[in-house]
């Protein structure tokens, strides 16, 4: 059995001498910064749904192999057995799902999902491209995986990054720094439409989710075939409000917290011996908030207009593909 995620995987039901295994009945495939985390949290509160604690398994995307794992990060499954183990706690009557927001971006995930779970239901969420890319960039900068704090300059680096240059050392998935490729919505949706019938696909719009959180979730419940009357509460979509002020300050603070060198380790030991844990945590987060991070800058109107003009053809194509007036909804009919 291949250890490469999703490649050569055959459903257990088709393998002689094996007991049936639980593959997901549905997948939240993306995008990032479009409400996928909020939707994941709400769906897993439903008594008829099981979703593992690990969001973003990414196992069925063979082109989403991380270059490394952070010290404090939960390990992602690297074998089929590890992946299937995520769903073992599910009760027989529960629907099983997973949420990997990179599956929509991935060029291989749709095919792998169709191989192992051809009857699965697919959920995607789309967001207005310019605002989406700005939010994604701020998140990457804040997460220390993007060193270029200017979005315009980060976009200009795409060609170089395709050649493997100017890749931040902490970027586990450098392909995600090719920002413009995230908003090839029609191309991404077609990969799934080629493998799944329309009744197994649900494409949500981020604006609808934010405007009517409960109503959108009820629609998802109906799509999945679980009781839509269950009240799972609301989950606010994650609005990016802060960014990285100083990567050097982040590294210095991280060194003290984790004791990554002898001096930092000694400092950490002294701080730990003299202060209670709760106080240390408050001090750490206060320091990080005021020194390491800063309020995200206001969007550059000129750049946002440039991006809207650049991606207008994609928005028009997505509108036609989905038979939904995204051009009007997102204001692409009012560009100068």
Protein backbone atom coordinates (compact mmCIF):
# COMPACT_ATOMS: atom_id res chain seq x y z
CA UNK A 1 0.00 0.00 0.00
CA UNK A 2 1.46 3.32 -1.01
CA UNK A 3 2.40 5.72 1.77
CA UNK A 4 1.98 8.74 -0.50
CA UNK A 5 -1.25 10.50 0.49
CA UNK A 6 -4.20 9.38 -1.54
CA UNK A 7 -2.19 7.74 -4.34
CA UNK A 8 -3.19 4.22 -5.25
CA UNK A 9 -5.74 4.10 -2.44
CA UNK A 10 -8.44 1.51 -2.95
CA UNK A 11 -11.63 1.53 -0.84
CA UNK A 12 -11.64 -1.27 1.70
CA UNK A 13 -15.00 -2.49 0.42
CA UNK A 14 -13.22 -3.40 -2.84
CA UNK A 15 -10.26 -5.12 -1.23
CA UNK A 16 -10.77 -8.83 -0.53
CA UNK A 17 -10.34 -10.02 3.04
CA UNK A 18 -10.75 -6.62 4.68
CA UNK A 19 -13.52 -5.19 6.82
CA UNK A 20 -15.26 -2.06 5.55
CA UNK A 21 -13.51 1.12 6.64
CA UNK A 22 -15.01 4.53 7.26
CA UNK A 23 -14.14 7.03 4.59
CA UNK A 24 -15.74 10.47 4.83
CA UNK A 25 -19.29 10.86 3.57
CA UNK A 26 -18.64 14.53 2.85
CA UNK A 27 -15.76 16.95 2.43
CA UNK A 28 -15.46 20.68 3.05
CA UNK A 29 -12.90 21.38 0.33
CA UNK A 30 -12.24 25.11 0.72
CA UNK A 31 -11.36 27.92 0.44
CA UNK A 32 -9.26 29.31 3.28
CA UNK A 33 -10.47 32.59 4.84
CA UNK A 34 -13.97 31.90 3.52
CA UNK A 35 -15.74 30.50 6.56
CA UNK A 36 -14.54 26.89 6.33
CA UNK A 37 -13.38 26.82 9.96
CA UNK A 38 -16.69 28.24 11.22
CA UNK A 39 -18.65 25.75 9.11
CA UNK A 40 -16.49 22.88 10.38
CA UNK A 41 -17.13 23.88 14.00
CA UNK A 42 -20.87 24.16 13.46
CA UNK A 43 -21.27 20.88 11.59
CA UNK A 44 -19.38 18.89 14.20
CA UNK A 45 -21.89 20.07 16.86
CA UNK A 46 -24.70 18.24 15.07
CA UNK A 47 -25.49 14.92 16.82
CA UNK A 48 -25.77 13.16 13.47
CA UNK A 49 -22.32 14.23 12.23
CA UNK A 50 -18.79 13.20 13.19
CA UNK A 51 -15.77 15.26 12.21
CA UNK A 52 -12.32 14.60 13.69
CA UNK A 53 -10.55 17.06 15.95
CA UNK A 54 -7.87 17.51 13.30
CA UNK A 55 -8.99 20.04 10.73
CA UNK A 56 -7.01 20.00 7.50
CA UNK A 57 -5.84 16.36 7.27
CA UNK A 58 -4.91 17.08 3.60
CA UNK A 59 -4.24 13.35 3.13
CA UNK A 60 -6.08 13.03 -0.18
CA UNK A 61 -4.11 15.85 -1.80
CA UNK A 62 -0.84 14.33 -2.97
CA UNK A 63 0.40 17.77 -4.01
CA UNK A 64 -0.07 19.15 -0.48
CA UNK A 65 2.82 17.46 1.30
CA UNK A 66 4.27 19.72 3.99
CA UNK A 67 8.00 20.34 3.84
CA UNK A 68 8.18 20.00 7.64
CA UNK A 69 6.05 20.07 10.77
CA UNK A 70 6.10 22.72 13.50
CA UNK A 71 7.12 21.52 16.96
CA UNK A 72 3.75 22.23 18.56
CA UNK A 73 1.64 21.16 15.59
CA UNK A 74 -0.53 18.03 15.64
CA UNK A 75 0.85 15.48 13.14
CA UNK A 76 -0.97 15.07 9.86
CA UNK A 77 -1.67 11.53 8.65
CA UNK A 78 1.02 10.15 6.39
CA UNK A 79 -0.43 6.67 5.78
CA UNK A 80 -3.87 5.37 4.91
CA UNK A 81 -4.12 3.70 8.29
CA UNK A 82 -3.41 6.98 10.09
CA UNK A 83 -5.96 8.78 7.94
CA UNK A 84 -8.72 6.22 8.53
CA UNK A 85 -7.94 6.22 12.25
CA UNK A 86 -9.24 9.80 12.38
CA UNK A 87 -12.76 8.48 11.72
CA UNK A 88 -12.73 5.35 13.89
CA UNK A 89 -14.53 7.06 16.84
CA UNK A 90 -17.58 7.77 14.65
CA UNK A 91 -20.76 5.91 15.51
CA UNK A 92 -22.32 3.81 12.77
CA UNK A 93 -25.35 6.09 12.42
CA UNK A 94 -23.27 9.27 12.12
CA UNK A 95 -22.23 10.91 8.88
CA UNK A 96 -18.47 11.25 8.69
CA UNK A 97 -16.84 14.37 7.26
CA UNK A 98 -13.54 16.15 7.06
CA UNK A 99 -12.46 19.69 6.21
CA UNK A 100 -9.29 20.41 4.26
CA UNK A 101 -9.45 23.86 2.74
CA UNK A 102 -6.56 23.07 0.39
CA UNK A 103 -8.58 20.39 -1.44
CA UNK A 104 -10.22 22.98 -3.69
CA UNK A 105 -6.83 24.46 -4.62
CA UNK A 106 -5.24 21.02 -5.06
CA UNK A 107 -4.90 19.59 -8.54
CA UNK A 108 -5.12 15.99 -7.30
CA UNK A 109 -7.62 15.94 -4.41
CA UNK A 110 -10.80 15.73 -6.51
CA UNK A 111 -9.57 12.59 -8.25
CA UNK A 112 -8.44 10.94 -4.98
CA UNK A 113 -11.70 11.75 -3.20
CA UNK A 114 -13.67 10.26 -6.08
CA UNK A 115 -11.55 7.10 -5.93
CA UNK A 116 -12.11 6.39 -2.24
CA UNK A 117 -15.54 7.91 -1.72
CA UNK A 118 -17.41 8.29 -5.04
CA UNK A 119 -20.73 8.98 -3.28
CA UNK A 120 -19.30 11.72 -1.07
CA UNK A 121 -20.84 15.16 -0.97
CA UNK A 122 -18.61 18.13 -1.68
CA UNK A 123 -18.92 21.56 -0.07
CA UNK A 124 -16.99 24.59 -1.34
CA UNK A 125 -17.12 28.24 -0.27
CA UNK A 126 -16.12 31.10 -2.57
CA UNK A 127 -15.21 34.66 -1.57
CA UNK A 128 -14.77 37.86 -3.57
CA UNK A 129 -11.22 37.50 -4.99
CA UNK A 130 -9.56 40.79 -4.01
CA UNK A 131 -10.80 40.73 -0.42
CA UNK A 132 -10.02 37.01 -0.19
CA UNK A 133 -6.40 37.44 -1.31
CA UNK A 134 -5.86 40.40 1.01
CA UNK A 135 -7.15 38.37 3.97
CA UNK A 136 -5.11 35.34 2.95
CA UNK A 137 -1.93 37.41 2.64
CA UNK A 138 -2.44 39.04 6.06
CA UNK A 139 -2.96 35.59 7.57
CA UNK A 140 0.20 34.23 5.96
CA UNK A 141 2.23 37.20 7.19
CA UNK A 142 0.78 36.83 10.69
CA UNK A 143 1.50 33.10 10.59
CA UNK A 144 5.13 33.77 9.73
CA UNK A 145 4.95 31.87 6.43
CA UNK A 146 5.15 35.01 4.26
CA UNK A 147 7.95 37.54 4.75
CA UNK A 148 6.73 40.09 2.17
CA UNK A 149 4.34 42.31 4.09
CA UNK A 150 3.25 44.29 1.01
CA UNK A 151 0.59 42.40 -0.94
CA UNK A 152 1.49 44.04 -4.24
CA UNK A 153 5.11 42.92 -3.86
CA UNK A 154 4.04 39.45 -2.74
CA UNK A 155 1.95 39.09 -5.90
CA UNK A 156 4.92 40.23 -7.99
CA UNK A 157 7.00 37.39 -6.51
CA UNK A 158 4.81 34.65 -7.97
CA UNK A 159 6.94 33.92 -11.04
CA UNK A 160 10.08 33.70 -8.93
CA UNK A 161 8.36 31.46 -6.42
CA UNK A 162 7.27 29.09 -9.18
CA UNK A 163 11.00 28.63 -9.75
CA UNK A 164 11.54 27.89 -6.07
CA UNK A 165 13.05 31.28 -5.19
CA UNK A 166 12.15 33.72 -2.41
CA UNK A 167 10.45 31.01 -0.38
CA UNK A 168 10.23 31.81 3.36
CA UNK A 169 11.95 29.14 5.42
CA UNK A 170 8.85 28.66 7.58
CA UNK A 171 6.54 28.09 4.62
CA UNK A 172 5.48 24.43 4.75
CA UNK A 173 3.39 24.63 1.57
CA UNK A 174 5.13 27.26 -0.61
CA UNK A 175 2.72 26.64 -3.49
CA UNK A 176 0.06 28.41 -1.45
CA UNK A 177 2.05 31.63 -1.85
CA UNK A 178 1.02 31.68 -5.52
CA UNK A 179 -1.89 33.91 -4.58
CA UNK A 180 -3.52 34.36 -7.97
CA UNK A 181 -3.92 30.59 -8.40
CA UNK A 182 -6.29 30.49 -5.41
CA UNK A 183 -9.01 32.32 -7.31
CA UNK A 184 -9.24 30.13 -10.40
CA UNK A 185 -12.70 29.23 -9.22
CA UNK A 186 -14.19 27.71 -12.37
CA UNK A 187 -11.13 25.53 -13.03
CA UNK A 188 -11.22 24.28 -9.44
CA UNK A 189 -14.94 23.54 -9.43
CA UNK A 190 -14.74 21.75 -12.77
CA UNK A 191 -12.24 19.27 -11.35
CA UNK A 192 -14.98 18.14 -8.97
CA UNK A 193 -17.82 18.44 -11.47
CA UNK A 194 -15.98 16.03 -13.75
CA UNK A 195 -16.09 13.39 -11.02
CA UNK A 196 -19.23 14.12 -8.99
CA UNK A 197 -22.81 14.71 -10.19
CA UNK A 198 -24.43 18.10 -9.46
CA UNK A 199 -26.58 16.71 -6.63
CA UNK A 200 -23.40 15.82 -4.71
CA UNK A 201 -21.93 19.32 -4.89
CA UNK A 202 -22.85 22.44 -2.92
CA UNK A 203 -21.11 25.74 -3.63
CA UNK A 204 -21.69 28.38 -0.98
CA UNK A 205 -20.90 32.08 -1.19
CA UNK A 206 -19.04 33.65 1.73
CA UNK A 207 -21.31 36.71 1.74
CA UNK A 208 -24.38 34.52 2.28
CA UNK A 209 -22.69 32.66 5.12
CA UNK A 210 -21.79 35.89 6.92
CA UNK A 211 -25.20 37.48 6.32
CA UNK A 212 -27.25 34.45 7.41
CA UNK A 213 -25.07 32.04 9.35
CA UNK A 214 -27.90 29.79 10.69
CA UNK A 215 -29.78 29.75 7.39
CA UNK A 216 -26.69 28.70 5.45
CA UNK A 217 -25.94 25.92 7.92
CA UNK A 218 -29.51 24.63 7.67
CA UNK A 219 -29.03 24.50 3.92
CA UNK A 220 -25.89 22.42 4.45
CA UNK A 221 -27.74 20.08 6.82
CA UNK A 222 -30.44 19.57 4.19
CA UNK A 223 -27.78 18.92 1.56
CA UNK A 224 -26.17 16.29 3.80
CA UNK A 225 -29.49 14.70 4.71
CA UNK A 226 -29.33 15.28 8.46
CA UNK A 227 -31.97 16.91 10.66
CA UNK A 228 -31.95 20.60 9.64
CA UNK A 229 -33.91 21.68 12.72
CA UNK A 230 -31.00 21.02 15.10
CA UNK A 231 -29.75 24.29 16.57
CA UNK A 232 -25.95 24.22 16.65
CA UNK A 233 -25.56 27.91 17.44
CA UNK A 234 -23.65 30.40 15.37
CA UNK A 235 -19.92 30.57 14.72
CA UNK A 236 -18.48 33.89 13.66
CA UNK A 237 -16.37 33.63 10.54
CA UNK A 238 -12.73 34.37 11.25
CA UNK A 239 -12.11 37.99 10.30
CA UNK A 240 -8.41 38.72 9.96
CA UNK A 241 -7.66 41.81 12.04
CA UNK A 242 -3.98 41.58 12.93
CA UNK A 243 -0.76 40.98 11.06
CA UNK A 244 2.92 40.46 11.86
CA UNK A 245 4.73 43.63 12.94
CA UNK A 246 8.18 42.09 13.23
CA UNK A 247 9.35 38.62 12.22
CA UNK A 248 12.55 39.11 14.23
CA UNK A 249 10.58 39.96 17.36
CA UNK A 250 8.44 36.88 16.75
CA UNK A 251 11.54 34.67 16.51
CA UNK A 252 13.05 36.20 19.65
CA UNK A 253 9.87 35.71 21.67
CA UNK A 254 9.47 32.19 20.30
CA UNK A 255 13.04 31.36 21.32
CA UNK A 256 12.36 32.42 24.91
CA UNK A 257 9.07 30.53 25.09
CA UNK A 258 10.48 27.33 23.61
CA UNK A 259 14.05 27.65 24.91
CA UNK A 260 15.58 27.18 21.46
CA UNK A 261 19.09 28.23 22.46
CA UNK A 262 21.10 28.16 25.75
CA UNK A 263 20.52 31.82 26.60
CA UNK A 264 16.82 31.61 25.77
CA UNK A 265 16.52 28.37 27.70
CA UNK A 266 18.06 29.97 30.80
CA UNK A 267 15.79 32.99 30.49
CA UNK A 268 12.78 30.74 30.15
CA UNK A 269 13.77 28.80 33.27
CA UNK A 270 14.15 31.99 35.32
CA UNK A 271 10.80 33.38 34.13
CA UNK A 272 9.12 30.05 34.82
CA UNK A 273 10.49 29.82 38.35
CA UNK A 274 9.47 33.35 39.33
CA UNK A 275 5.98 33.71 37.81
CA UNK A 276 2.75 31.69 37.91
CA UNK A 277 1.70 29.92 34.70
CA UNK A 278 -1.44 32.03 34.17
CA UNK A 279 0.58 35.23 34.53
CA UNK A 280 3.21 33.96 32.11
CA UNK A 281 0.53 33.19 29.53
CA UNK A 282 -1.03 36.63 29.88
CA UNK A 283 2.38 38.29 29.61
CA UNK A 284 3.26 36.25 26.53
CA UNK A 285 0.06 37.12 24.70
CA UNK A 286 0.27 40.79 25.73
CA UNK A 287 3.86 40.99 24.50
CA UNK A 288 2.96 39.27 21.26
CA UNK A 289 -0.01 41.56 20.68
CA UNK A 290 1.80 44.84 21.35
CA UNK A 291 5.31 44.12 20.05
CA UNK A 292 5.16 41.22 17.61
CA UNK A 293 1.82 41.87 15.90
CA UNK A 294 -0.05 44.96 14.82
CA UNK A 295 -3.47 45.87 13.51
CA UNK A 296 -3.78 44.82 9.89
CA UNK A 297 -3.41 47.83 7.59
CA UNK A 298 -6.38 49.18 5.75
CA UNK A 299 -6.83 47.80 2.26
CA UNK A 300 -5.11 49.83 -0.44
CA UNK A 301 -8.03 51.07 -2.60
CA UNK A 302 -5.83 51.37 -5.69
CA UNK A 303 -4.53 47.81 -5.34
CA UNK A 304 -7.99 46.43 -4.61
CA UNK A 305 -9.29 48.07 -7.79
CA UNK A 306 -6.38 46.64 -9.78
CA UNK A 307 -7.11 43.17 -8.43
CA UNK A 308 -10.82 43.46 -9.22
CA UNK A 309 -10.01 44.45 -12.79
CA UNK A 310 -7.51 41.61 -13.03
CA UNK A 311 -9.93 38.97 -11.78
CA UNK A 312 -13.08 40.33 -13.40
CA UNK A 313 -13.01 37.65 -16.15
CA UNK A 314 -12.86 34.94 -13.48
CA UNK A 315 -15.81 36.44 -11.61
CA UNK A 316 -17.83 36.68 -14.83
CA UNK A 317 -16.99 33.06 -15.64
CA UNK A 318 -17.92 31.93 -12.12
CA UNK A 319 -21.21 33.81 -12.34
CA UNK A 320 -22.09 32.01 -15.56
CA UNK A 321 -20.88 28.65 -14.28
CA UNK A 322 -22.91 28.84 -11.07
CA UNK A 323 -25.83 30.75 -12.58
CA UNK A 324 -25.45 33.29 -9.78
CA UNK A 325 -24.88 37.02 -10.24
CA UNK A 326 -21.54 37.27 -8.48
CA UNK A 327 -20.63 40.21 -10.72
CA UNK A 328 -23.36 42.32 -9.13
CA UNK A 329 -22.99 40.85 -5.65
CA UNK A 330 -19.29 41.63 -5.51
CA UNK A 331 -19.49 44.97 -7.28
CA UNK A 332 -17.65 43.93 -10.43
CA UNK A 333 -20.27 45.71 -12.53
CA UNK A 334 -19.18 49.04 -11.09
CA UNK A 335 -15.46 49.02 -11.91
CA UNK A 336 -14.11 52.26 -13.41
